[in-house]
Amino acid sequence: MPINRELIIPLGDLVNHEGNMYELTNAAIHRAEQISVAGSDDLDKNRGKIVSTALEEIISKKVEYEYQK
């Protein structure tokens, strides 16, 4: 059976992200938790991968976050 090597995590977008990676990581963790509870319309597109969906939503600014100290 051939291996599907299609990238699910948006690596190019991660590399080009100009924001704070610590904030992005925390936002992705919290968004992934939200998706695991409530779901997301983008889950099917990402083959059910919650973290990939969370990262894509945040990087594309479909979901915005605010870092609170």
PDB file of N, CA and C in Angstrom:
ATOM      1  N   MET A   1       0.853  -1.173   0.000  1.00  0.00           N
ATOM      2  CA  MET A   1       0.000   0.000   0.000  1.00  0.00           C
ATOM      3  C   MET A   1       0.901   1.239   0.000  1.00  0.00           C
ATOM      4  N   PRO A   2       0.691   2.185  -0.928  1.00  0.00           N
ATOM      5  CA  PRO A   2       1.517   3.392  -0.954  1.00  0.00           C
ATOM      6  C   PRO A   2       1.226   4.292   0.238  1.00  0.00           C
ATOM      7  N   ILE A   3       2.261   4.981   0.684  1.00  0.00           N
ATOM      8  CA  ILE A   3       2.133   5.901   1.814  1.00  0.00           C
ATOM      9  C   ILE A   3       1.747   7.273   1.281  1.00  0.00           C
ATOM     10  N   ASN A   4       0.712   7.857   1.859  1.00  0.00           N
ATOM     11  CA  ASN A   4       0.296   9.204   1.492  1.00  0.00           C
ATOM     12  C   ASN A   4       1.170  10.191   2.250  1.00  0.00           C
ATOM     13  N   ARG A   5       2.005  10.913   1.536  1.00  0.00           N
ATOM     14  CA  ARG A   5       2.957  11.840   2.167  1.00  0.00           C
ATOM     15  C   ARG A   5       2.455  13.282   2.151  1.00  0.00           C
ATOM     16  N   GLU A   6       1.172  13.460   1.927  1.00  0.00           N
ATOM     17  CA  GLU A   6       0.601  14.800   1.941  1.00  0.00           C
ATOM     18  C   GLU A   6       0.760  15.409   3.331  1.00  0.00           C
ATOM     19  N   LEU A   7       1.322  16.601   3.376  1.00  0.00           N
ATOM     20  CA  LEU A   7       1.522  17.267   4.660  1.00  0.00           C
ATOM     21  C   LEU A   7       0.194  17.728   5.228  1.00  0.00           C
ATOM     22  N   ILE A   8      -0.011  17.454   6.484  1.00  0.00           N
ATOM     23  CA  ILE A   8      -1.224  17.881   7.152  1.00  0.00           C
ATOM     24  C   ILE A   8      -0.947  19.141   7.954  1.00  0.00           C
ATOM     25  N   ILE A   9       0.149  19.177   8.682  1.00  0.00           N
ATOM     26  CA  ILE A   9       0.518  20.382   9.429  1.00  0.00           C
ATOM     27  C   ILE A   9       1.072  21.389   8.425  1.00  0.00           C
ATOM     28  N   PRO A  10       0.600  22.620   8.471  1.00  0.00           N
ATOM     29  CA  PRO A  10       1.044  23.632   7.500  1.00  0.00           C
ATOM     30  C   PRO A  10       2.475  24.102   7.791  1.00  0.00           C
ATOM     31  N   LEU A  11       3.463  23.266   7.438  1.00  0.00           N
ATOM     32  CA  LEU A  11       4.861  23.537   7.786  1.00  0.00           C
ATOM     33  C   LEU A  11       5.373  24.833   7.169  1.00  0.00           C
ATOM     34  N   GLY A  12       5.035  25.078   5.915  1.00  0.00           N
ATOM     35  CA  GLY A  12       5.475  26.313   5.276  1.00  0.00           C
ATOM     36  C   GLY A  12       4.957  27.535   6.002  1.00  0.00           C
ATOM     37  N   ASP A  13       3.710  27.470   6.421  1.00  0.00           N
ATOM     38  CA  ASP A  13       3.119  28.587   7.158  1.00  0.00           C
ATOM     39  C   ASP A  13       3.750  28.733   8.542  1.00  0.00           C
ATOM     40  N   LEU A  14       4.100  27.619   9.158  1.00  0.00           N
ATOM     41  CA  LEU A  14       4.757  27.680  10.469  1.00  0.00           C
ATOM     42  C   LEU A  14       6.131  28.339  10.365  1.00  0.00           C
ATOM     43  N   VAL A  15       6.885  27.950   9.353  1.00  0.00           N
ATOM     44  CA  VAL A  15       8.227  28.502   9.166  1.00  0.00           C
ATOM     45  C   VAL A  15       8.148  30.005   8.894  1.00  0.00           C
ATOM     46  N   ASN A  16       7.147  30.427   8.135  1.00  0.00           N
ATOM     47  CA  ASN A  16       7.021  31.835   7.770  1.00  0.00           C
ATOM     48  C   ASN A  16       6.261  32.667   8.804  1.00  0.00           C
ATOM     49  N   HIS A  17       5.791  32.043   9.856  1.00  0.00           N
ATOM     50  CA  HIS A  17       5.039  32.769  10.887  1.00  0.00           C
ATOM     51  C   HIS A  17       5.946  33.797  11.554  1.00  0.00           C
ATOM     52  N   GLU A  18       5.492  35.047  11.570  1.00  0.00           N
ATOM     53  CA  GLU A  18       6.321  36.124  12.108  1.00  0.00           C
ATOM     54  C   GLU A  18       6.034  36.427  13.571  1.00  0.00           C
ATOM     55  N   GLY A  19       5.027  35.815  14.134  1.00  0.00           N
ATOM     56  CA  GLY A  19       4.681  36.079  15.526  1.00  0.00           C
ATOM     57  C   GLY A  19       5.528  35.278  16.493  1.00  0.00           C
ATOM     58  N   ASN A  20       5.188  35.391  17.745  1.00  0.00           N
ATOM     59  CA  ASN A  20       5.874  34.708  18.827  1.00  0.00           C
ATOM     60  C   ASN A  20       5.480  33.227  18.820  1.00  0.00           C
ATOM     61  N   MET A  21       6.466  32.343  18.684  1.00  0.00           N
ATOM     62  CA  MET A  21       6.184  30.905  18.607  1.00  0.00           C
ATOM     63  C   MET A  21       5.654  30.346  19.930  1.00  0.00           C
ATOM     64  N   TYR A  22       6.061  30.924  21.034  1.00  0.00           N
ATOM     65  CA  TYR A  22       5.537  30.499  22.333  1.00  0.00           C
ATOM     66  C   TYR A  22       4.034  30.767  22.390  1.00  0.00           C
ATOM     67  N   GLU A  23       3.625  31.957  21.963  1.00  0.00           N
ATOM     68  CA  GLU A  23       2.203  32.305  21.948  1.00  0.00           C
ATOM     69  C   GLU A  23       1.442  31.403  20.983  1.00  0.00           C
ATOM     70  N   LEU A  24       2.021  31.159  19.805  1.00  0.00           N
ATOM     71  CA  LEU A  24       1.376  30.290  18.823  1.00  0.00           C
ATOM     72  C   LEU A  24       1.185  28.883  19.385  1.00  0.00           C
ATOM     73  N   THR A  25       2.206  28.377  20.060  1.00  0.00           N
ATOM     74  CA  THR A  25       2.126  27.037  20.641  1.00  0.00           C
ATOM     75  C   THR A  25       1.020  26.960  21.687  1.00  0.00           C
ATOM     76  N   ASN A  26       0.974  27.954  22.566  1.00  0.00           N
ATOM     77  CA  ASN A  26      -0.070  27.975  23.594  1.00  0.00           C
ATOM     78  C   ASN A  26      -1.458  28.117  22.982  1.00  0.00           C
ATOM     79  N   ALA A  27      -1.575  28.959  21.976  1.00  0.00           N
ATOM     80  CA  ALA A  27      -2.865  29.138  21.310  1.00  0.00           C
ATOM     81  C   ALA A  27      -3.300  27.830  20.651  1.00  0.00           C
ATOM     82  N   ALA A  28      -2.357  27.128  20.025  1.00  0.00           N
ATOM     83  CA  ALA A  28      -2.681  25.859  19.363  1.00  0.00           C
ATOM     84  C   ALA A  28      -3.117  24.807  20.380  1.00  0.00           C
ATOM     85  N   ILE A  29      -2.463  24.779  21.532  1.00  0.00           N
ATOM     86  CA  ILE A  29      -2.846  23.827  22.578  1.00  0.00           C
ATOM     87  C   ILE A  29      -4.273  24.086  23.034  1.00  0.00           C
ATOM     88  N   HIS A  30      -4.583  25.338  23.297  1.00  0.00           N
ATOM     89  CA  HIS A  30      -5.930  25.673  23.772  1.00  0.00           C
ATOM     90  C   HIS A  30      -6.981  25.472  22.687  1.00  0.00           C
ATOM     91  N   ARG A  31      -6.641  25.820  21.443  1.00  0.00           N
ATOM     92  CA  ARG A  31      -7.599  25.626  20.348  1.00  0.00           C
ATOM     93  C   ARG A  31      -7.830  24.135  20.106  1.00  0.00           C
ATOM     94  N   ALA A  32      -6.774  23.332  20.181  1.00  0.00           N
ATOM     95  CA  ALA A  32      -6.926  21.888  19.997  1.00  0.00           C
ATOM     96  C   ALA A  32      -7.842  21.303  21.068  1.00  0.00           C
ATOM     97  N   GLU A  33      -7.719  21.800  22.273  1.00  0.00           N
ATOM     98  CA  GLU A  33      -8.604  21.353  23.350  1.00  0.00           C
ATOM     99  C   GLU A  33     -10.060  21.721  23.037  1.00  0.00           C
ATOM    100  N   GLN A  34     -10.273  22.927  22.537  1.00  0.00           N
ATOM    101  CA  GLN A  34     -11.626  23.356  22.160  1.00  0.00           C
ATOM    102  C   GLN A  34     -12.176  22.476  21.041  1.00  0.00           C
ATOM    103  N   ILE A  35     -11.348  22.190  20.040  1.00  0.00           N
ATOM    104  CA  ILE A  35     -11.790  21.366  18.911  1.00  0.00           C
ATOM    105  C   ILE A  35     -12.139  19.964  19.374  1.00  0.00           C
ATOM    106  N   SER A  36     -11.354  19.416  20.311  1.00  0.00           N
ATOM    107  CA  SER A  36     -11.627  18.054  20.776  1.00  0.00           C
ATOM    108  C   SER A  36     -12.970  17.962  21.495  1.00  0.00           C
ATOM    109  N   VAL A  37     -13.409  19.079  22.079  1.00  0.00           N
ATOM    110  CA  VAL A  37     -14.694  19.093  22.779  1.00  0.00           C
ATOM    111  C   VAL A  37     -15.844  19.457  21.836  1.00  0.00           C
ATOM    112  N   ALA A  38     -15.645  20.524  21.063  1.00  0.00           N
ATOM    113  CA  ALA A  38     -16.749  21.070  20.262  1.00  0.00           C
ATOM    114  C   ALA A  38     -16.668  20.741  18.784  1.00  0.00           C
ATOM    115  N   GLY A  39     -15.507  20.299  18.299  1.00  0.00           N
ATOM    116  CA  GLY A  39     -15.352  20.005  16.883  1.00  0.00           C
ATOM    117  C   GLY A  39     -15.027  21.252  16.079  1.00  0.00           C
ATOM    118  N   SER A  40     -14.847  21.050  14.780  1.00  0.00           N
ATOM    119  CA  SER A  40     -14.553  22.140  13.851  1.00  0.00           C
ATOM    120  C   SER A  40     -14.969  21.700  12.459  1.00  0.00           C
ATOM    121  N   ASP A  41     -15.426  22.651  11.669  1.00  0.00           N
ATOM    122  CA  ASP A  41     -15.799  22.342  10.290  1.00  0.00           C
ATOM    123  C   ASP A  41     -14.587  21.929   9.454  1.00  0.00           C
ATOM    124  N   ASP A  42     -13.392  22.292   9.895  1.00  0.00           N
ATOM    125  CA  ASP A  42     -12.175  21.995   9.142  1.00  0.00           C
ATOM    126  C   ASP A  42     -11.584  20.617   9.442  1.00  0.00           C
ATOM    127  N   LEU A  43     -12.152  19.886  10.367  1.00  0.00           N
ATOM    128  CA  LEU A  43     -11.588  18.576  10.728  1.00  0.00           C
ATOM    129  C   LEU A  43     -11.580  17.600   9.563  1.00  0.00           C
ATOM    130  N   ASP A  44     -12.622  17.565   8.763  1.00  0.00           N
ATOM    131  CA  ASP A  44     -12.664  16.643   7.623  1.00  0.00           C
ATOM    132  C   ASP A  44     -11.558  16.953   6.627  1.00  0.00           C
ATOM    133  N   LYS A  45     -11.332  18.243   6.380  1.00  0.00           N
ATOM    134  CA  LYS A  45     -10.297  18.651   5.439  1.00  0.00           C
ATOM    135  C   LYS A  45      -8.922  18.192   5.909  1.00  0.00           C
ATOM    136  N   ASN A  46      -8.715  18.149   7.213  1.00  0.00           N
ATOM    137  CA  ASN A  46      -7.434  17.746   7.799  1.00  0.00           C
ATOM    138  C   ASN A  46      -7.448  16.291   8.266  1.00  0.00           C
ATOM    139  N   ARG A  47      -8.361  15.515   7.732  1.00  0.00           N
ATOM    140  CA  ARG A  47      -8.471  14.076   8.018  1.00  0.00           C
ATOM    141  C   ARG A  47      -8.542  13.783   9.505  1.00  0.00           C
ATOM    142  N   GLY A  48      -9.273  14.640  10.241  1.00  0.00           N
ATOM    143  CA  GLY A  48      -9.501  14.406  11.660  1.00  0.00           C
ATOM    144  C   GLY A  48      -8.343  14.774  12.567  1.00  0.00           C
ATOM    145  N   LYS A  49      -7.329  15.403  12.035  1.00  0.00           N
ATOM    146  CA  LYS A  49      -6.145  15.772  12.830  1.00  0.00           C
ATOM    147  C   LYS A  49      -6.420  17.075  13.578  1.00  0.00           C
ATOM    148  N   ILE A  50      -6.587  16.964  14.880  1.00  0.00           N
ATOM    149  CA  ILE A  50      -6.998  18.102  15.702  1.00  0.00           C
ATOM    150  C   ILE A  50      -5.912  19.173  15.779  1.00  0.00           C
ATOM    151  N   VAL A  51      -4.677  18.791  16.027  1.00  0.00           N
ATOM    152  CA  VAL A  51      -3.603  19.778  16.167  1.00  0.00           C
ATOM    153  C   VAL A  51      -3.359  20.493  14.840  1.00  0.00           C
ATOM    154  N   SER A  52      -3.370  19.746  13.748  1.00  0.00           N
ATOM    155  CA  SER A  52      -3.197  20.371  12.435  1.00  0.00           C
ATOM    156  C   SER A  52      -4.306  21.377  12.160  1.00  0.00           C
ATOM    157  N   THR A  53      -5.519  21.020  12.521  1.00  0.00           N
ATOM    158  CA  THR A  53      -6.654  21.915  12.331  1.00  0.00           C
ATOM    159  C   THR A  53      -6.487  23.163  13.182  1.00  0.00           C
ATOM    160  N   ALA A  54      -6.084  22.993  14.423  1.00  0.00           N
ATOM    161  CA  ALA A  54      -5.889  24.138  15.317  1.00  0.00           C
ATOM    162  C   ALA A  54      -4.817  25.073  14.761  1.00  0.00           C
ATOM    163  N   LEU A  55      -3.687  24.528  14.332  1.00  0.00           N
ATOM    164  CA  LEU A  55      -2.617  25.355  13.781  1.00  0.00           C
ATOM    165  C   LEU A  55      -3.065  26.095  12.525  1.00  0.00           C
ATOM    166  N   GLU A  56      -3.736  25.388  11.648  1.00  0.00           N
ATOM    167  CA  GLU A  56      -4.191  26.020  10.405  1.00  0.00           C
ATOM    168  C   GLU A  56      -5.173  27.151  10.688  1.00  0.00           C
ATOM    169  N   GLU A  57      -6.106  26.927  11.605  1.00  0.00           N
ATOM    170  CA  GLU A  57      -7.087  27.961  11.934  1.00  0.00           C
ATOM    171  C   GLU A  57      -6.421  29.196  12.529  1.00  0.00           C
ATOM    172  N   ILE A  58      -5.411  28.996  13.343  1.00  0.00           N
ATOM    173  CA  ILE A  58      -4.733  30.128  13.981  1.00  0.00           C
ATOM    174  C   ILE A  58      -3.841  30.863  12.987  1.00  0.00           C
ATOM    175  N   ILE A  59      -3.061  30.130  12.218  1.00  0.00           N
ATOM    176  CA  ILE A  59      -2.148  30.761  11.260  1.00  0.00           C
ATOM    177  C   ILE A  59      -2.918  31.514  10.179  1.00  0.00           C
ATOM    178  N   SER A  60      -4.046  30.948   9.748  1.00  0.00           N
ATOM    179  CA  SER A  60      -4.845  31.614   8.711  1.00  0.00           C
ATOM    180  C   SER A  60      -5.721  32.726   9.287  1.00  0.00           C
ATOM    181  N   LYS A  61      -5.678  32.887  10.600  1.00  0.00           N
ATOM    182  CA  LYS A  61      -6.449  33.895  11.329  1.00  0.00           C
ATOM    183  C   LYS A  61      -7.957  33.666  11.241  1.00  0.00           C
ATOM    184  N   LYS A  62      -8.339  32.414  10.967  1.00  0.00           N
ATOM    185  CA  LYS A  62      -9.751  32.056  11.048  1.00  0.00           C
ATOM    186  C   LYS A  62     -10.188  32.117  12.512  1.00  0.00           C
ATOM    187  N   VAL A  63      -9.267  31.773  13.402  1.00  0.00           N
ATOM    188  CA  VAL A  63      -9.471  31.875  14.841  1.00  0.00           C
ATOM    189  C   VAL A  63      -8.372  32.787  15.368  1.00  0.00           C
ATOM    190  N   GLU A  64      -8.735  33.791  16.118  1.00  0.00           N
ATOM    191  CA  GLU A  64      -7.739  34.709  16.663  1.00  0.00           C
ATOM    192  C   GLU A  64      -7.574  34.443  18.155  1.00  0.00           C
ATOM    193  N   TYR A  65      -6.419  34.765  18.657  1.00  0.00           N
ATOM    194  CA  TYR A  65      -6.111  34.549  20.061  1.00  0.00           C
ATOM    195  C   TYR A  65      -5.480  35.792  20.648  1.00  0.00           C
ATOM    196  N   GLU A  66      -5.536  35.884  21.943  1.00  0.00           N
ATOM    197  CA  GLU A  66      -4.893  36.978  22.651  1.00  0.00           C
ATOM    198  C   GLU A  66      -4.133  36.385  23.821  1.00  0.00           C
ATOM    199  N   TYR A  67      -2.870  36.698  23.909  1.00  0.00           N
ATOM    200  CA  TYR A  67      -2.025  36.187  24.973  1.00  0.00           C
ATOM    201  C   TYR A  67      -2.278  37.024  26.238  1.00  0.00           C
ATOM    202  N   GLN A  68      -2.625  36.347  27.325  1.00  0.00           N
ATOM    203  CA  GLN A  68      -2.851  37.055  28.585  1.00  0.00           C
ATOM    204  C   GLN A  68      -1.762  36.654  29.562  1.00  0.00           C
ATOM    205  N   LYS A  69      -1.151  37.659  30.177  1.00  0.00           N
ATOM    206  CA  LYS A  69      -0.049  37.397  31.115  1.00  0.00           C
ATOM    207  C   LYS A  69      -0.574  37.076  32.480  1.00  0.00           C
TER     208      LYS A  69
END
